[in-house]
C-alpha atoms as a PDB file:
ATOM      1  CA  UNK A   1      -1.533 -27.377  -3.311  1.00  0.00           C
ATOM      2  CA  UNK A   2      -3.443 -28.168  -0.988  1.00  0.00           C
ATOM      3  CA  UNK A   3      -7.746 -27.975  -1.142  1.00  0.00           C
ATOM      4  CA  UNK A   4     -10.101 -27.219   1.139  1.00  0.00           C
ATOM      5  CA  UNK A   5     -13.844 -28.035   0.050  1.00  0.00           C
ATOM      6  CA  UNK A   6     -16.613 -26.801   2.131  1.00  0.00           C
ATOM      7  CA  UNK A   7     -20.683 -26.063   1.330  1.00  0.00           C
ATOM      8  CA  UNK A   8     -20.127 -23.779  -2.149  1.00  0.00           C
ATOM      9  CA  UNK A   9     -16.743 -22.669  -1.341  1.00  0.00           C
ATOM     10  CA  UNK A  10     -12.830 -24.059  -3.132  1.00  0.00           C
ATOM     11  CA  UNK A  11      -9.656 -22.702  -0.498  1.00  0.00           C
ATOM     12  CA  UNK A  12      -6.347 -23.364  -2.121  1.00  0.00           C
ATOM     13  CA  UNK A  13      -3.431 -23.014  -0.739  1.00  0.00           C
ATOM     14  CA  UNK A  14       0.392 -23.504  -1.775  1.00  0.00           C
ATOM     15  CA  UNK A  15       3.407 -23.509  -0.873  1.00  0.00           C
ATOM     16  CA  UNK A  16       6.398 -21.283  -2.175  1.00  0.00           C
ATOM     17  CA  UNK A  17       7.581 -23.613  -5.494  1.00  0.00           C
ATOM     18  CA  UNK A  18       3.891 -24.086  -6.121  1.00  0.00           C
ATOM     19  CA  UNK A  19       3.517 -20.562  -6.319  1.00  0.00           C
ATOM     20  CA  UNK A  20       6.309 -20.666  -8.005  1.00  0.00           C
ATOM     21  CA  UNK A  21       4.822 -23.194 -10.812  1.00  0.00           C
ATOM     22  CA  UNK A  22       1.873 -21.019 -11.318  1.00  0.00           C
ATOM     23  CA  UNK A  23       3.821 -17.856 -11.872  1.00  0.00           C
ATOM     24  CA  UNK A  24       5.736 -19.673 -14.762  1.00  0.00           C
ATOM     25  CA  UNK A  25       3.553 -22.468 -16.142  1.00  0.00           C
ATOM     26  CA  UNK A  26       0.469 -20.568 -15.719  1.00  0.00           C
ATOM     27  CA  UNK A  27      -0.861 -23.186 -14.344  1.00  0.00           C
ATOM     28  CA  UNK A  28      -1.029 -25.872 -11.682  1.00  0.00           C
ATOM     29  CA  UNK A  29      -1.961 -29.406 -11.047  1.00  0.00           C
ATOM     30  CA  UNK A  30      -2.681 -31.733  -8.591  1.00  0.00           C
ATOM     31  CA  UNK A  31      -4.361 -35.822  -8.424  1.00  0.00           C
ATOM     32  CA  UNK A  32      -5.402 -37.955  -6.012  1.00  0.00           C
ATOM     33  CA  UNK A  33      -5.684 -41.734  -7.189  1.00  0.00           C
ATOM     34  CA  UNK A  34      -8.412 -43.791  -6.282  1.00  0.00           C
ATOM     35  CA  UNK A  35      -7.596 -46.782  -8.143  1.00  0.00           C
ATOM     36  CA  UNK A  36      -4.554 -48.504 -10.229  1.00  0.00           C
ATOM     37  CA  UNK A  37      -3.879 -47.452 -13.853  1.00  0.00           C
ATOM     38  CA  UNK A  38      -5.618 -44.183 -13.287  1.00  0.00           C
ATOM     39  CA  UNK A  39      -9.225 -46.218 -13.503  1.00  0.00           C
ATOM     40  CA  UNK A  40     -10.566 -43.390 -10.993  1.00  0.00           C
ATOM     41  CA  UNK A  41      -8.718 -40.156  -9.913  1.00  0.00           C
ATOM     42  CA  UNK A  42      -9.535 -36.466  -8.294  1.00  0.00           C
ATOM     43  CA  UNK A  43      -7.742 -33.795  -9.536  1.00  0.00           C
ATOM     44  CA  UNK A  44      -7.469 -29.907  -9.624  1.00  0.00           C
ATOM     45  CA  UNK A  45      -6.205 -27.215 -10.816  1.00  0.00           C
ATOM     46  CA  UNK A  46      -5.768 -23.643 -10.940  1.00  0.00           C
ATOM     47  CA  UNK A  47      -4.756 -21.956 -13.770  1.00  0.00           C
ATOM     48  CA  UNK A  48      -3.948 -18.509 -14.691  1.00  0.00           C
ATOM     49  CA  UNK A  49      -6.180 -16.595 -17.267  1.00  0.00           C
ATOM     50  CA  UNK A  50      -6.270 -13.533 -19.515  1.00  0.00           C
ATOM     51  CA  UNK A  51     -10.088 -12.687 -18.844  1.00  0.00           C
ATOM     52  CA  UNK A  52     -11.278 -10.762 -15.212  1.00  0.00           C
ATOM     53  CA  UNK A  53     -12.982 -12.994 -13.575  1.00  0.00           C
ATOM     54  CA  UNK A  54     -12.603 -16.230 -12.128  1.00  0.00           C
ATOM     55  CA  UNK A  55     -14.374 -19.279 -13.326  1.00  0.00           C
ATOM     56  CA  UNK A  56     -14.592 -22.854 -12.236  1.00  0.00           C
ATOM     57  CA  UNK A  57     -15.673 -26.136 -13.764  1.00  0.00           C
ATOM     58  CA  UNK A  58     -15.784 -29.992 -12.775  1.00  0.00           C
ATOM     59  CA  UNK A  59     -15.597 -32.554 -15.312  1.00  0.00           C
ATOM     60  CA  UNK A  60     -14.078 -35.744 -15.808  1.00  0.00           C
ATOM     61  CA  UNK A  61     -13.359 -35.710 -12.179  1.00  0.00           C
ATOM     62  CA  UNK A  62     -11.300 -32.452 -12.230  1.00  0.00           C
ATOM     63  CA  UNK A  63     -11.887 -29.402 -10.699  1.00  0.00           C
ATOM     64  CA  UNK A  64      -9.952 -26.763 -12.662  1.00  0.00           C
ATOM     65  CA  UNK A  65     -10.287 -22.565 -11.136  1.00  0.00           C
ATOM     66  CA  UNK A  66      -9.147 -20.016 -13.327  1.00  0.00           C
ATOM     67  CA  UNK A  67      -7.912 -17.129 -12.060  1.00  0.00           C
ATOM     68  CA  UNK A  68      -7.342 -13.508 -13.546  1.00  0.00           C
ATOM     69  CA  UNK A  69      -3.573 -13.606 -14.466  1.00  0.00           C
ATOM     70  CA  UNK A  70      -3.399 -10.041 -13.564  1.00  0.00           C
ATOM     71  CA  UNK A  71      -4.354 -10.829  -9.386  1.00  0.00           C
ATOM     72  CA  UNK A  72      -1.947 -13.906  -9.639  1.00  0.00           C
ATOM     73  CA  UNK A  73       1.142 -11.890 -10.854  1.00  0.00           C
ATOM     74  CA  UNK A  74       0.194  -9.128  -8.618  1.00  0.00           C
ATOM     75  CA  UNK A  75      -0.536 -12.038  -5.612  1.00  0.00           C
ATOM     76  CA  UNK A  76       2.820 -13.420  -6.754  1.00  0.00           C
ATOM     77  CA  UNK A  77       5.329 -10.313  -6.426  1.00  0.00           C
ATOM     78  CA  UNK A  78       3.823  -9.422  -3.318  1.00  0.00           C
ATOM     79  CA  UNK A  79       3.641 -10.051   0.417  1.00  0.00           C
ATOM     80  CA  UNK A  80       0.010 -10.492   0.396  1.00  0.00           C
ATOM     81  CA  UNK A  81      -1.269 -13.917   1.520  1.00  0.00           C
ATOM     82  CA  UNK A  82      -4.415 -14.327  -0.686  1.00  0.00           C
ATOM     83  CA  UNK A  83      -6.551 -13.804  -3.090  1.00  0.00           C
ATOM     84  CA  UNK A  84     -10.397 -13.609  -3.044  1.00  0.00           C
ATOM     85  CA  UNK A  85     -13.347 -14.174  -6.134  1.00  0.00           C
ATOM     86  CA  UNK A  86     -16.337 -15.747  -6.660  1.00  0.00           C
ATOM     87  CA  UNK A  87     -18.415 -16.905  -9.423  1.00  0.00           C
ATOM     88  CA  UNK A  88     -22.355 -16.593  -9.913  1.00  0.00           C
ATOM     89  CA  UNK A  89     -24.012 -19.742 -10.727  1.00  0.00           C
ATOM     90  CA  UNK A  90     -26.965 -18.361 -10.912  1.00  0.00           C
ATOM     91  CA  UNK A  91     -29.494 -15.341  -9.060  1.00  0.00           C
ATOM     92  CA  UNK A  92     -28.982 -16.747  -5.448  1.00  0.00           C
ATOM     93  CA  UNK A  93     -26.094 -18.819  -5.445  1.00  0.00           C
ATOM     94  CA  UNK A  94     -22.508 -18.497  -5.720  1.00  0.00           C
ATOM     95  CA  UNK A  95     -18.907 -20.342  -5.726  1.00  0.00           C
ATOM     96  CA  UNK A  96     -15.945 -18.950  -3.428  1.00  0.00           C
ATOM     97  CA  UNK A  97     -12.940 -19.505  -4.412  1.00  0.00           C
ATOM     98  CA  UNK A  98      -9.611 -18.197  -2.051  1.00  0.00           C
ATOM     99  CA  UNK A  99      -6.025 -19.034  -2.713  1.00  0.00           C
ATOM    100  CA  UNK A 100      -3.300 -18.955  -0.020  1.00  0.00           C
ATOM    101  CA  UNK A 101      -0.096 -18.870   0.412  1.00  0.00           C
ATOM    102  CA  UNK A 102       0.660 -21.563   2.879  1.00  0.00           C
ATOM    103  CA  UNK A 103       2.433 -20.661   5.895  1.00  0.00           C
ATOM    104  CA  UNK A 104       4.360 -22.804   8.551  1.00  0.00           C
ATOM    105  CA  UNK A 105       2.482 -23.804  11.223  1.00  0.00           C
ATOM    106  CA  UNK A 106       4.920 -23.286  14.229  1.00  0.00           C
ATOM    107  CA  UNK A 107       2.790 -25.354  16.936  1.00  0.00           C
ATOM    108  CA  UNK A 108       3.138 -28.612  14.148  1.00  0.00           C
ATOM    109  CA  UNK A 109       0.781 -31.963  15.402  1.00  0.00           C
ATOM    110  CA  UNK A 110       1.762 -34.247  12.470  1.00  0.00           C
ATOM    111  CA  UNK A 111       5.167 -35.157  10.562  1.00  0.00           C
ATOM    112  CA  UNK A 112       3.656 -33.160   7.694  1.00  0.00           C
ATOM    113  CA  UNK A 113       6.831 -31.529   5.753  1.00  0.00           C
ATOM    114  CA  UNK A 114       6.613 -27.673   5.595  1.00  0.00           C
ATOM    115  CA  UNK A 115       9.885 -27.075   4.033  1.00  0.00           C
ATOM    116  CA  UNK A 116       8.644 -25.421   1.335  1.00  0.00           C
ATOM    117  CA  UNK A 117       5.831 -23.008   3.281  1.00  0.00           C
ATOM    118  CA  UNK A 118       6.047 -19.717   3.904  1.00  0.00           C
ATOM    119  CA  UNK A 119       7.380 -17.941   7.045  1.00  0.00           C
ATOM    120  CA  UNK A 120       4.169 -17.508   9.123  1.00  0.00           C
ATOM    121  CA  UNK A 121       3.303 -13.614   9.458  1.00  0.00           C
ATOM    122  CA  UNK A 122       3.333 -14.032  13.406  1.00  0.00           C
ATOM    123  CA  UNK A 123       6.387 -15.369  14.028  1.00  0.00           C
ATOM    124  CA  UNK A 124       7.062 -17.514  17.252  1.00  0.00           C
ATOM    125  CA  UNK A 125       3.581 -16.562  18.605  1.00  0.00           C
ATOM    126  CA  UNK A 126       1.052 -18.464  16.501  1.00  0.00           C
ATOM    127  CA  UNK A 127       0.387 -21.059  14.219  1.00  0.00           C
END
């Protein structure tokens, strides 16, 4: 699972197996280790919830984004590329969420393994 943070937005990209884990287990976790023995880690979690609103928390070095199970299940079972949502923080500020299926990059410029990604919808014409 990849996470992109930009301003007040969080964008997650999940490969096929990660989408399956989210559907089966109701959550998926990732951790970045900055020091040995878990002394300084950063983590992020996507989880399905029974509620109807997106929400996020940040505690103990971990971002947890909660997504309504009805939206996640529909997304997993469909050809839909993404789920969007937001959490109002105050009268003028919101936190935006975008959760996407990760596509193969047809013109890859790095050594990243793409075997778990979804086929690109534009075929061989785009990346």
